[in-house]
Amino acid sequence: MKMEVDRARTLLGLSRVARLATASTAGEPHLVPVTFVLDGDALYFVVDHKPKSTTVLRRLQNIWENSRVSVLVDHYADELLVAKYPQYREHPPQGAVVAISVDRLTGWSYAS
């Protein structure tokens, strides 16, 4: 069942994790989970302090090459009970910050 845009926006704002889909200029797809925050019509994620195998992250390289991305968010009711991003209170991210302008918002839900 199609979800109203306002409901989809509310659930997006309450969610913690998304899957970021990017593609290189050659069309090679890349999918990676990201934690994010929604501020108005912009979704932000950062590259945090956790160890990475390289400093040239495929998601960032793809965005530099091709700024068109998609984000998929699955919202679960139990996420309402969890404080957002407690790990960043003591260790703020030191890496890049990426802002995604939300051009279109859709959602769906199952009929109960």
PDB file of N, CA and C in Angstrom:
ATOM      1  N   MET A   1       0.840  -1.158   0.000  1.00  0.00           N
ATOM      2  CA  MET A   1       0.000   0.000   0.000  1.00  0.00           C
ATOM      3  C   MET A   1       0.892   1.230   0.000  1.00  0.00           C
ATOM      4  N   LYS A   2       0.600   2.192  -0.862  1.00  0.00           N
ATOM      5  CA  LYS A   2       1.401   3.401  -0.972  1.00  0.00           C
ATOM      6  C   LYS A   2       1.249   4.251   0.285  1.00  0.00           C
ATOM      7  N   MET A   3       2.355   4.806   0.734  1.00  0.00           N
ATOM      8  CA  MET A   3       2.377   5.605   1.959  1.00  0.00           C
ATOM      9  C   MET A   3       2.320   7.093   1.608  1.00  0.00           C
ATOM     10  N   GLU A   4       1.632   7.863   2.432  1.00  0.00           N
ATOM     11  CA  GLU A   4       1.580   9.312   2.262  1.00  0.00           C
ATOM     12  C   GLU A   4       2.977   9.895   2.459  1.00  0.00           C
ATOM     13  N   VAL A   5       3.303  10.949   1.724  1.00  0.00           N
ATOM     14  CA  VAL A   5       4.626  11.561   1.790  1.00  0.00           C
ATOM     15  C   VAL A   5       4.955  12.039   3.199  1.00  0.00           C
ATOM     16  N   ASP A   6       4.002  12.639   3.900  1.00  0.00           N
ATOM     17  CA  ASP A   6       4.265  13.126   5.259  1.00  0.00           C
ATOM     18  C   ASP A   6       4.620  11.984   6.201  1.00  0.00           C
ATOM     19  N   ARG A   7       3.949  10.858   6.079  1.00  0.00           N
ATOM     20  CA  ARG A   7       4.254   9.686   6.909  1.00  0.00           C
ATOM     21  C   ARG A   7       5.641   9.138   6.565  1.00  0.00           C
ATOM     22  N   ALA A   8       5.957   9.063   5.266  1.00  0.00           N
ATOM     23  CA  ALA A   8       7.274   8.590   4.840  1.00  0.00           C
ATOM     24  C   ALA A   8       8.370   9.498   5.388  1.00  0.00           C
ATOM     25  N   ARG A   9       8.166  10.816   5.360  1.00  0.00           N
ATOM     26  CA  ARG A   9       9.146  11.769   5.885  1.00  0.00           C
ATOM     27  C   ARG A   9       9.326  11.586   7.390  1.00  0.00           C
ATOM     28  N   THR A  10       8.240  11.383   8.113  1.00  0.00           N
ATOM     29  CA  THR A  10       8.320  11.158   9.559  1.00  0.00           C
ATOM     30  C   THR A  10       9.140   9.917   9.863  1.00  0.00           C
ATOM     31  N   LEU A  11       8.849   8.823   9.181  1.00  0.00           N
ATOM     32  CA  LEU A  11       9.590   7.583   9.411  1.00  0.00           C
ATOM     33  C   LEU A  11      11.051   7.721   9.008  1.00  0.00           C
ATOM     34  N   LEU A  12      11.313   8.448   7.928  1.00  0.00           N
ATOM     35  CA  LEU A  12      12.695   8.675   7.516  1.00  0.00           C
ATOM     36  C   LEU A  12      13.450   9.419   8.615  1.00  0.00           C
ATOM     37  N   GLY A  13      12.822  10.434   9.197  1.00  0.00           N
ATOM     38  CA  GLY A  13      13.454  11.201  10.261  1.00  0.00           C
ATOM     39  C   GLY A  13      13.702  10.401  11.524  1.00  0.00           C
ATOM     40  N   LEU A  14      12.918   9.357  11.754  1.00  0.00           N
ATOM     41  CA  LEU A  14      13.074   8.518  12.943  1.00  0.00           C
ATOM     42  C   LEU A  14      14.050   7.371  12.737  1.00  0.00           C
ATOM     43  N   SER A  15      14.399   7.105  11.495  1.00  0.00           N
ATOM     44  CA  SER A  15      15.272   5.971  11.188  1.00  0.00           C
ATOM     45  C   SER A  15      16.729   6.317  11.446  1.00  0.00           C
ATOM     46  N   ARG A  16      17.557   5.267  11.586  1.00  0.00           N
ATOM     47  CA  ARG A  16      18.971   5.450  11.903  1.00  0.00           C
ATOM     48  C   ARG A  16      19.914   4.996  10.804  1.00  0.00           C
ATOM     49  N   VAL A  17      19.525   3.989  10.050  1.00  0.00           N
ATOM     50  CA  VAL A  17      20.423   3.392   9.063  1.00  0.00           C
ATOM     51  C   VAL A  17      19.761   3.375   7.692  1.00  0.00           C
ATOM     52  N   ALA A  18      20.560   3.670   6.675  1.00  0.00           N
ATOM     53  CA  ALA A  18      20.081   3.618   5.293  1.00  0.00           C
ATOM     54  C   ALA A  18      21.087   2.832   4.467  1.00  0.00           C
ATOM     55  N   ARG A  19      20.670   2.436   3.288  1.00  0.00           N
ATOM     56  CA  ARG A  19      21.580   1.839   2.308  1.00  0.00           C
ATOM     57  C   ARG A  19      21.772   2.873   1.222  1.00  0.00           C
ATOM     58  N   LEU A  20      23.019   3.282   1.023  1.00  0.00           N
ATOM     59  CA  LEU A  20      23.371   4.275   0.020  1.00  0.00           C
ATOM     60  C   LEU A  20      23.795   3.565  -1.249  1.00  0.00           C
ATOM     61  N   ALA A  21      23.106   3.858  -2.342  1.00  0.00           N
ATOM     62  CA  ALA A  21      23.447   3.275  -3.644  1.00  0.00           C
ATOM     63  C   ALA A  21      24.094   4.350  -4.510  1.00  0.00           C
ATOM     64  N   THR A  22      25.307   4.054  -4.976  1.00  0.00           N
ATOM     65  CA  THR A  22      26.018   4.952  -5.874  1.00  0.00           C
ATOM     66  C   THR A  22      26.446   4.162  -7.103  1.00  0.00           C
ATOM     67  N   ALA A  23      26.888   4.886  -8.123  1.00  0.00           N
ATOM     68  CA  ALA A  23      27.414   4.230  -9.322  1.00  0.00           C
ATOM     69  C   ALA A  23      28.547   5.080  -9.872  1.00  0.00           C
ATOM     70  N   SER A  24      29.572   4.412 -10.356  1.00  0.00           N
ATOM     71  CA  SER A  24      30.688   5.116 -10.987  1.00  0.00           C
ATOM     72  C   SER A  24      30.249   5.633 -12.353  1.00  0.00           C
ATOM     73  N   THR A  25      31.105   6.418 -12.983  1.00  0.00           N
ATOM     74  CA  THR A  25      30.780   6.893 -14.335  1.00  0.00           C
ATOM     75  C   THR A  25      30.692   5.736 -15.323  1.00  0.00           C
ATOM     76  N   ALA A  26      31.350   4.617 -15.002  1.00  0.00           N
ATOM     77  CA  ALA A  26      31.277   3.428 -15.859  1.00  0.00           C
ATOM     78  C   ALA A  26      30.018   2.605 -15.579  1.00  0.00           C
ATOM     79  N   GLY A  27      29.217   3.044 -14.603  1.00  0.00           N
ATOM     80  CA  GLY A  27      27.983   2.342 -14.298  1.00  0.00           C
ATOM     81  C   GLY A  27      28.122   1.215 -13.298  1.00  0.00           C
ATOM     82  N   GLU A  28      29.281   1.089 -12.658  1.00  0.00           N
ATOM     83  CA  GLU A  28      29.478   0.037 -11.660  1.00  0.00           C
ATOM     84  C   GLU A  28      28.743   0.413 -10.377  1.00  0.00           C
ATOM     85  N   PRO A  29      27.780  -0.383  -9.950  1.00  0.00           N
ATOM     86  CA  PRO A  29      26.999  -0.041  -8.758  1.00  0.00           C
ATOM     87  C   PRO A  29      27.775  -0.337  -7.478  1.00  0.00           C
ATOM     88  N   HIS A  30      27.413   0.378  -6.429  1.00  0.00           N
ATOM     89  CA  HIS A  30      28.016   0.175  -5.108  1.00  0.00           C
ATOM     90  C   HIS A  30      26.935   0.460  -4.072  1.00  0.00           C
ATOM     91  N   LEU A  31      26.788  -0.438  -3.109  1.00  0.00           N
ATOM     92  CA  LEU A  31      25.771  -0.302  -2.076  1.00  0.00           C
ATOM     93  C   LEU A  31      26.442  -0.451  -0.721  1.00  0.00           C
ATOM     94  N   VAL A  32      26.172   0.487   0.194  1.00  0.00           N
ATOM     95  CA  VAL A  32      26.818   0.461   1.497  1.00  0.00           C
ATOM     96  C   VAL A  32      25.851   1.018   2.553  1.00  0.00           C
ATOM     97  N   PRO A  33      25.834   0.419   3.758  1.00  0.00           N
ATOM     98  CA  PRO A  33      24.990   0.984   4.814  1.00  0.00           C
ATOM     99  C   PRO A  33      25.630   2.258   5.367  1.00  0.00           C
ATOM    100  N   VAL A  34      24.800   3.236   5.708  1.00  0.00           N
ATOM    101  CA  VAL A  34      25.267   4.474   6.322  1.00  0.00           C
ATOM    102  C   VAL A  34      24.304   4.867   7.441  1.00  0.00           C
ATOM    103  N   THR A  35      24.837   5.469   8.486  1.00  0.00           N
ATOM    104  CA  THR A  35      23.982   6.115   9.475  1.00  0.00           C
ATOM    105  C   THR A  35      23.822   7.560   9.024  1.00  0.00           C
ATOM    106  N   PHE A  36      22.687   8.160   9.329  1.00  0.00           N
ATOM    107  CA  PHE A  36      22.390   9.473   8.757  1.00  0.00           C
ATOM    108  C   PHE A  36      21.508  10.278   9.698  1.00  0.00           C
ATOM    109  N   VAL A  37      21.358  11.546   9.351  1.00  0.00           N
ATOM    110  CA  VAL A  37      20.393  12.427   9.999  1.00  0.00           C
ATOM    111  C   VAL A  37      19.672  13.191   8.890  1.00  0.00           C
ATOM    112  N   LEU A  38      18.387  13.444   9.098  1.00  0.00           N
ATOM    113  CA  LEU A  38      17.583  14.198   8.145  1.00  0.00           C
ATOM    114  C   LEU A  38      17.364  15.592   8.714  1.00  0.00           C
ATOM    115  N   ASP A  39      17.662  16.599   7.912  1.00  0.00           N
ATOM    116  CA  ASP A  39      17.435  17.995   8.315  1.00  0.00           C
ATOM    117  C   ASP A  39      16.701  18.681   7.179  1.00  0.00           C
ATOM    118  N   GLY A  40      15.415  18.877   7.341  1.00  0.00           N
ATOM    119  CA  GLY A  40      14.612  19.447   6.266  1.00  0.00           C
ATOM    120  C   GLY A  40      14.597  18.521   5.074  1.00  0.00           C
ATOM    121  N   ASP A  41      15.025  19.039   3.924  1.00  0.00           N
ATOM    122  CA  ASP A  41      15.075  18.234   2.699  1.00  0.00           C
ATOM    123  C   ASP A  41      16.483  17.743   2.393  1.00  0.00           C
ATOM    124  N   ALA A  42      17.327  17.657   3.414  1.00  0.00           N
ATOM    125  CA  ALA A  42      18.692  17.152   3.203  1.00  0.00           C
ATOM    126  C   ALA A  42      18.954  15.996   4.157  1.00  0.00           C
ATOM    127  N   LEU A  43      19.578  14.976   3.634  1.00  0.00           N
ATOM    128  CA  LEU A  43      19.991  13.810   4.401  1.00  0.00           C
ATOM    129  C   LEU A  43      21.515  13.867   4.481  1.00  0.00           C
ATOM    130  N   TYR A  44      22.066  13.759   5.689  1.00  0.00           N
ATOM    131  CA  TYR A  44      23.512  13.866   5.880  1.00  0.00           C
ATOM    132  C   TYR A  44      24.067  12.562   6.431  1.00  0.00           C
ATOM    133  N   PHE A  45      25.232  12.173   5.919  1.00  0.00           N
ATOM    134  CA  PHE A  45      25.994  11.103   6.552  1.00  0.00           C
ATOM    135  C   PHE A  45      27.453  11.517   6.567  1.00  0.00           C
ATOM    136  N   VAL A  46      28.195  10.930   7.467  1.00  0.00           N
ATOM    137  CA  VAL A  46      29.609  11.281   7.607  1.00  0.00           C
ATOM    138  C   VAL A  46      30.467  10.029   7.490  1.00  0.00           C
ATOM    139  N   VAL A  47      31.722  10.237   7.220  1.00  0.00           N
ATOM    140  CA  VAL A  47      32.696   9.159   7.280  1.00  0.00           C
ATOM    141  C   VAL A  47      33.302   9.234   8.668  1.00  0.00           C
ATOM    142  N   ASP A  48      33.048   8.231   9.469  1.00  0.00           N
ATOM    143  CA  ASP A  48      33.432   8.289  10.876  1.00  0.00           C
ATOM    144  C   ASP A  48      34.845   7.783  11.118  1.00  0.00           C
ATOM    145  N   HIS A  49      35.204   7.675  12.391  1.00  0.00           N
ATOM    146  CA  HIS A  49      36.556   7.352  12.816  1.00  0.00           C
ATOM    147  C   HIS A  49      36.885   5.860  12.800  1.00  0.00           C
ATOM    148  N   LYS A  50      35.902   5.008  12.514  1.00  0.00           N
ATOM    149  CA  LYS A  50      36.194   3.575  12.493  1.00  0.00           C
ATOM    150  C   LYS A  50      37.249   3.281  11.434  1.00  0.00           C
ATOM    151  N   PRO A  51      38.117   2.299  11.693  1.00  0.00           N
ATOM    152  CA  PRO A  51      39.178   1.976  10.723  1.00  0.00           C
ATOM    153  C   PRO A  51      38.592   1.555   9.370  1.00  0.00           C
ATOM    154  N   LYS A  52      39.195   2.042   8.322  1.00  0.00           N
ATOM    155  CA  LYS A  52      38.809   1.688   6.956  1.00  0.00           C
ATOM    156  C   LYS A  52      40.025   1.051   6.281  1.00  0.00           C
ATOM    157  N   SER A  53      39.780   0.233   5.288  1.00  0.00           N
ATOM    158  CA  SER A  53      40.890  -0.414   4.584  1.00  0.00           C
ATOM    159  C   SER A  53      41.601   0.557   3.652  1.00  0.00           C
ATOM    160  N   THR A  54      40.978   1.683   3.343  1.00  0.00           N
ATOM    161  CA  THR A  54      41.572   2.694   2.463  1.00  0.00           C
ATOM    162  C   THR A  54      40.991   4.058   2.810  1.00  0.00           C
ATOM    163  N   THR A  55      41.698   5.109   2.431  1.00  0.00           N
ATOM    164  CA  THR A  55      41.163   6.457   2.639  1.00  0.00           C
ATOM    165  C   THR A  55      40.378   6.931   1.427  1.00  0.00           C
ATOM    166  N   VAL A  56      40.469   6.196   0.309  1.00  0.00           N
ATOM    167  CA  VAL A  56      39.705   6.518  -0.895  1.00  0.00           C
ATOM    168  C   VAL A  56      38.490   5.592  -0.910  1.00  0.00           C
ATOM    169  N   LEU A  57      37.418   6.023  -0.286  1.00  0.00           N
ATOM    170  CA  LEU A  57      36.220   5.187  -0.188  1.00  0.00           C
ATOM    171  C   LEU A  57      35.444   5.209  -1.496  1.00  0.00           C
ATOM    172  N   ARG A  58      35.013   4.032  -1.942  1.00  0.00           N
ATOM    173  CA  ARG A  58      34.290   3.895  -3.206  1.00  0.00           C
ATOM    174  C   ARG A  58      33.046   4.784  -3.216  1.00  0.00           C
ATOM    175  N   ARG A  59      32.316   4.863  -2.108  1.00  0.00           N
ATOM    176  CA  ARG A  59      31.093   5.681  -2.094  1.00  0.00           C
ATOM    177  C   ARG A  59      31.405   7.143  -2.381  1.00  0.00           C
ATOM    178  N   LEU A  60      32.516   7.666  -1.807  1.00  0.00           N
ATOM    179  CA  LEU A  60      32.876   9.061  -2.036  1.00  0.00           C
ATOM    180  C   LEU A  60      33.399   9.271  -3.454  1.00  0.00           C
ATOM    181  N   GLN A  61      34.211   8.344  -3.938  1.00  0.00           N
ATOM    182  CA  GLN A  61      34.716   8.435  -5.313  1.00  0.00           C
ATOM    183  C   GLN A  61      33.553   8.429  -6.301  1.00  0.00           C
ATOM    184  N   ASN A  62      32.584   7.534  -6.080  1.00  0.00           N
ATOM    185  CA  ASN A  62      31.422   7.475  -6.973  1.00  0.00           C
ATOM    186  C   ASN A  62      30.633   8.778  -6.950  1.00  0.00           C
ATOM    187  N   ILE A  63      30.439   9.359  -5.768  1.00  0.00           N
ATOM    188  CA  ILE A  63      29.684  10.608  -5.666  1.00  0.00           C
ATOM    189  C   ILE A  63      30.430  11.734  -6.376  1.00  0.00           C
ATOM    190  N   TRP A  64      31.774  11.757  -6.285  1.00  0.00           N
ATOM    191  CA  TRP A  64      32.549  12.763  -7.009  1.00  0.00           C
ATOM    192  C   TRP A  64      32.381  12.595  -8.510  1.00  0.00           C
ATOM    193  N   GLU A  65      32.329  11.348  -8.973  1.00  0.00           N
ATOM    194  CA  GLU A  65      32.187  11.066 -10.402  1.00  0.00           C
ATOM    195  C   GLU A  65      30.752  11.235 -10.888  1.00  0.00           C
ATOM    196  N   ASN A  66      29.789  10.868 -10.053  1.00  0.00           N
ATOM    197  CA  ASN A  66      28.377  10.816 -10.441  1.00  0.00           C
ATOM    198  C   ASN A  66      27.545  11.142  -9.208  1.00  0.00           C
ATOM    199  N   SER A  67      27.053  12.354  -9.111  1.00  0.00           N
ATOM    200  CA  SER A  67      26.383  12.807  -7.888  1.00  0.00           C
ATOM    201  C   SER A  67      24.967  12.248  -7.705  1.00  0.00           C
ATOM    202  N   ARG A  68      24.464  11.495  -8.673  1.00  0.00           N
ATOM    203  CA  ARG A  68      23.124  10.914  -8.541  1.00  0.00           C
ATOM    204  C   ARG A  68      23.205   9.662  -7.678  1.00  0.00           C
ATOM    205  N   VAL A  69      22.478   9.655  -6.578  1.00  0.00           N
ATOM    206  CA  VAL A  69      22.479   8.529  -5.647  1.00  0.00           C
ATOM    207  C   VAL A  69      21.044   8.166  -5.288  1.00  0.00           C
ATOM    208  N   SER A  70      20.877   6.992  -4.694  1.00  0.00           N
ATOM    209  CA  SER A  70      19.599   6.575  -4.114  1.00  0.00           C
ATOM    210  C   SER A  70      19.857   6.117  -2.691  1.00  0.00           C
ATOM    211  N   VAL A  71      18.844   6.293  -1.851  1.00  0.00           N
ATOM    212  CA  VAL A  71      18.933   5.876  -0.461  1.00  0.00           C
ATOM    213  C   VAL A  71      17.699   5.046  -0.139  1.00  0.00           C
ATOM    214  N   LEU A  72      17.920   3.873   0.453  1.00  0.00           N
ATOM    215  CA  LEU A  72      16.832   2.999   0.876  1.00  0.00           C
ATOM    216  C   LEU A  72      16.871   2.901   2.395  1.00  0.00           C
ATOM    217  N   VAL A  73      15.735   3.196   3.035  1.00  0.00           N
ATOM    218  CA  VAL A  73      15.642   3.141   4.497  1.00  0.00           C
ATOM    219  C   VAL A  73      14.531   2.174   4.873  1.00  0.00           C
ATOM    220  N   ASP A  74      14.865   1.222   5.738  1.00  0.00           N
ATOM    221  CA  ASP A  74      13.866   0.329   6.327  1.00  0.00           C
ATOM    222  C   ASP A  74      13.642   0.800   7.754  1.00  0.00           C
ATOM    223  N   HIS A  75      12.424   1.162   8.075  1.00  0.00           N
ATOM    224  CA  HIS A  75      12.139   1.667   9.414  1.00  0.00           C
ATOM    225  C   HIS A  75      11.477   0.566  10.244  1.00  0.00           C
ATOM    226  N   TYR A  76      11.970   0.368  11.415  1.00  0.00           N
ATOM    227  CA  TYR A  76      11.413  -0.606  12.341  1.00  0.00           C
ATOM    228  C   TYR A  76      10.966   0.113  13.597  1.00  0.00           C
ATOM    229  N   ALA A  77       9.820  -0.255  14.153  1.00  0.00           N
ATOM    230  CA  ALA A  77       9.247   0.427  15.300  1.00  0.00           C
ATOM    231  C   ALA A  77      10.170   0.434  16.510  1.00  0.00           C
ATOM    232  N   ASP A  78      10.963  -0.622  16.705  1.00  0.00           N
ATOM    233  CA  ASP A  78      11.828  -0.657  17.882  1.00  0.00           C
ATOM    234  C   ASP A  78      12.941   0.377  17.818  1.00  0.00           C
ATOM    235  N   GLU A  79      13.210   0.952  16.644  1.00  0.00           N
ATOM    236  CA  GLU A  79      14.212   2.004  16.540  1.00  0.00           C
ATOM    237  C   GLU A  79      13.764   3.275  17.244  1.00  0.00           C
ATOM    238  N   LEU A  80      12.471   3.413  17.477  1.00  0.00           N
ATOM    239  CA  LEU A  80      11.978   4.577  18.201  1.00  0.00           C
ATOM    240  C   LEU A  80      12.513   4.619  19.621  1.00  0.00           C
ATOM    241  N   LEU A  81      12.887   3.467  20.159  1.00  0.00           N
ATOM    242  CA  LEU A  81      13.326   3.378  21.544  1.00  0.00           C
ATOM    243  C   LEU A  81      14.829   3.575  21.707  1.00  0.00           C
ATOM    244  N   VAL A  82      15.545   3.602  20.622  1.00  0.00           N
ATOM    245  CA  VAL A  82      17.001   3.681  20.679  1.00  0.00           C
ATOM    246  C   VAL A  82      17.447   5.121  20.427  1.00  0.00           C
ATOM    247  N   ALA A  83      18.326   5.652  21.275  1.00  0.00           N
ATOM    248  CA  ALA A  83      18.859   7.005  21.051  1.00  0.00           C
ATOM    249  C   ALA A  83      19.714   7.002  19.795  1.00  0.00           C
ATOM    250  N   LYS A  84      19.611   8.066  19.017  1.00  0.00           N
ATOM    251  CA  LYS A  84      20.366   8.128  17.767  1.00  0.00           C
ATOM    252  C   LYS A  84      21.847   8.377  18.033  1.00  0.00           C
ATOM    253  N   TYR A  85      22.670   7.517  17.508  1.00  0.00           N
ATOM    254  CA  TYR A  85      24.110   7.679  17.403  1.00  0.00           C
ATOM    255  C   TYR A  85      24.839   8.002  18.695  1.00  0.00           C
ATOM    256  N   PRO A  86      24.668   7.241  19.749  1.00  0.00           N
ATOM    257  CA  PRO A  86      25.395   7.545  20.989  1.00  0.00           C
ATOM    258  C   PRO A  86      26.911   7.452  20.827  1.00  0.00           C
ATOM    259  N   GLN A  87      27.397   6.670  19.867  1.00  0.00           N
ATOM    260  CA  GLN A  87      28.839   6.531  19.671  1.00  0.00           C
ATOM    261  C   GLN A  87      29.490   7.837  19.228  1.00  0.00           C
ATOM    262  N   TYR A  88      28.729   8.751  18.646  1.00  0.00           N
ATOM    263  CA  TYR A  88      29.299  10.007  18.163  1.00  0.00           C
ATOM    264  C   TYR A  88      29.381  11.076  19.249  1.00  0.00           C
ATOM    265  N   ARG A  89      28.740  10.850  20.394  1.00  0.00           N
ATOM    266  CA  ARG A  89      28.817  11.836  21.466  1.00  0.00           C
ATOM    267  C   ARG A  89      30.234  11.967  22.002  1.00  0.00           C
ATOM    268  N   GLU A  90      30.913  10.838  22.187  1.00  0.00           N
ATOM    269  CA  GLU A  90      32.269  10.852  22.722  1.00  0.00           C
ATOM    270  C   GLU A  90      33.335  10.941  21.640  1.00  0.00           C
ATOM    271  N   HIS A  91      33.033  10.477  20.437  1.00  0.00           N
ATOM    272  CA  HIS A  91      34.003  10.469  19.336  1.00  0.00           C
ATOM    273  C   HIS A  91      33.354  11.043  18.080  1.00  0.00           C
ATOM    274  N   PRO A  92      33.271  12.368  17.942  1.00  0.00           N
ATOM    275  CA  PRO A  92      32.671  12.948  16.739  1.00  0.00           C
ATOM    276  C   PRO A  92      33.422  12.507  15.487  1.00  0.00           C
ATOM    277  N   PRO A  93      32.710  12.274  14.379  1.00  0.00           N
ATOM    278  CA  PRO A  93      33.356  11.853  13.141  1.00  0.00           C
ATOM    279  C   PRO A  93      34.360  12.892  12.657  1.00  0.00           C
ATOM    280  N   GLN A  94      35.489  12.417  12.129  1.00  0.00           N
ATOM    281  CA  GLN A  94      36.541  13.301  11.632  1.00  0.00           C
ATOM    282  C   GLN A  94      36.606  13.314  10.110  1.00  0.00           C
ATOM    283  N   GLY A  95      35.819  12.474   9.458  1.00  0.00           N
ATOM    284  CA  GLY A  95      35.901  12.360   8.003  1.00  0.00           C
ATOM    285  C   GLY A  95      34.957  13.291   7.283  1.00  0.00           C
ATOM    286  N   ALA A  96      34.777  13.003   6.013  1.00  0.00           N
ATOM    287  CA  ALA A  96      33.930  13.824   5.141  1.00  0.00           C
ATOM    288  C   ALA A  96      32.482  13.800   5.606  1.00  0.00           C
ATOM    289  N   VAL A  97      31.761  14.891   5.334  1.00  0.00           N
ATOM    290  CA  VAL A  97      30.324  14.978   5.560  1.00  0.00           C
ATOM    291  C   VAL A  97      29.674  15.071   4.189  1.00  0.00           C
ATOM    292  N   VAL A  98      28.684  14.242   3.939  1.00  0.00           N
ATOM    293  CA  VAL A  98      27.997  14.221   2.653  1.00  0.00           C
ATOM    294  C   VAL A  98      26.560  14.649   2.871  1.00  0.00           C
ATOM    295  N   ALA A  99      26.075  15.601   2.080  1.00  0.00           N
ATOM    296  CA  ALA A  99      24.690  16.054   2.128  1.00  0.00           C
ATOM    297  C   ALA A  99      23.988  15.610   0.855  1.00  0.00           C
ATOM    298  N   ILE A 100      22.831  14.985   0.997  1.00  0.00           N
ATOM    299  CA  ILE A 100      22.032  14.524  -0.136  1.00  0.00           C
ATOM    300  C   ILE A 100      20.736  15.308  -0.135  1.00  0.00           C
ATOM    301  N   SER A 101      20.462  16.019  -1.201  1.00  0.00           N
ATOM    302  CA  SER A 101      19.213  16.757  -1.338  1.00  0.00           C
ATOM    303  C   SER A 101      18.110  15.773  -1.706  1.00  0.00           C
ATOM    304  N   VAL A 102      17.043  15.739  -0.915  1.00  0.00           N
ATOM    305  CA  VAL A 102      15.944  14.811  -1.156  1.00  0.00           C
ATOM    306  C   VAL A 102      15.016  15.425  -2.204  1.00  0.00           C
ATOM    307  N   ASP A 103      15.052  14.879  -3.431  1.00  0.00           N
ATOM    308  CA  ASP A 103      14.223  15.371  -4.528  1.00  0.00           C
ATOM    309  C   ASP A 103      12.870  14.673  -4.600  1.00  0.00           C
ATOM    310  N   ARG A 104      12.839  13.411  -4.167  1.00  0.00           N
ATOM    311  CA  ARG A 104      11.605  12.641  -4.239  1.00  0.00           C
ATOM    312  C   ARG A 104      11.581  11.696  -3.058  1.00  0.00           C
ATOM    313  N   LEU A 105      10.434  11.586  -2.415  1.00  0.00           N
ATOM    314  CA  LEU A 105      10.282  10.732  -1.244  1.00  0.00           C
ATOM    315  C   LEU A 105       9.060   9.854  -1.440  1.00  0.00           C
ATOM    316  N   THR A 106       9.246   8.531  -1.360  1.00  0.00           N
ATOM    317  CA  THR A 106       8.141   7.593  -1.483  1.00  0.00           C
ATOM    318  C   THR A 106       8.237   6.567  -0.364  1.00  0.00           C
ATOM    319  N   GLY A 107       7.181   5.874  -0.128  1.00  0.00           N
ATOM    320  CA  GLY A 107       7.193   4.833   0.890  1.00  0.00           C
ATOM    321  C   GLY A 107       6.087   3.828   0.635  1.00  0.00           C
ATOM    322  N   TRP A 108       6.132   2.722   1.344  1.00  0.00           N
ATOM    323  CA  TRP A 108       5.098   1.722   1.249  1.00  0.00           C
ATOM    324  C   TRP A 108       4.990   1.062   2.608  1.00  0.00           C
ATOM    325  N   SER A 109       3.865   0.445   2.853  1.00  0.00           N
ATOM    326  CA  SER A 109       3.671  -0.322   4.078  1.00  0.00           C
ATOM    327  C   SER A 109       2.786  -1.505   3.754  1.00  0.00           C
ATOM    328  N   TYR A 110       2.846  -2.501   4.601  1.00  0.00           N
ATOM    329  CA  TYR A 110       2.002  -3.659   4.385  1.00  0.00           C
ATOM    330  C   TYR A 110       0.635  -3.396   5.014  1.00  0.00           C
ATOM    331  N   ALA A 111      -0.382  -4.006   4.493  1.00  0.00           N
ATOM    332  CA  ALA A 111      -1.730  -3.874   5.048  1.00  0.00           C
ATOM    333  C   ALA A 111      -1.877  -4.873   6.186  1.00  0.00           C
ATOM    334  N   SER A 112      -2.332  -4.407   7.333  1.00  0.00           N
ATOM    335  CA  SER A 112      -2.491  -5.339   8.458  1.00  0.00           C
ATOM    336  C   SER A 112      -3.950  -5.571   8.766  1.00  0.00           C
TER     337      SER A 112
END
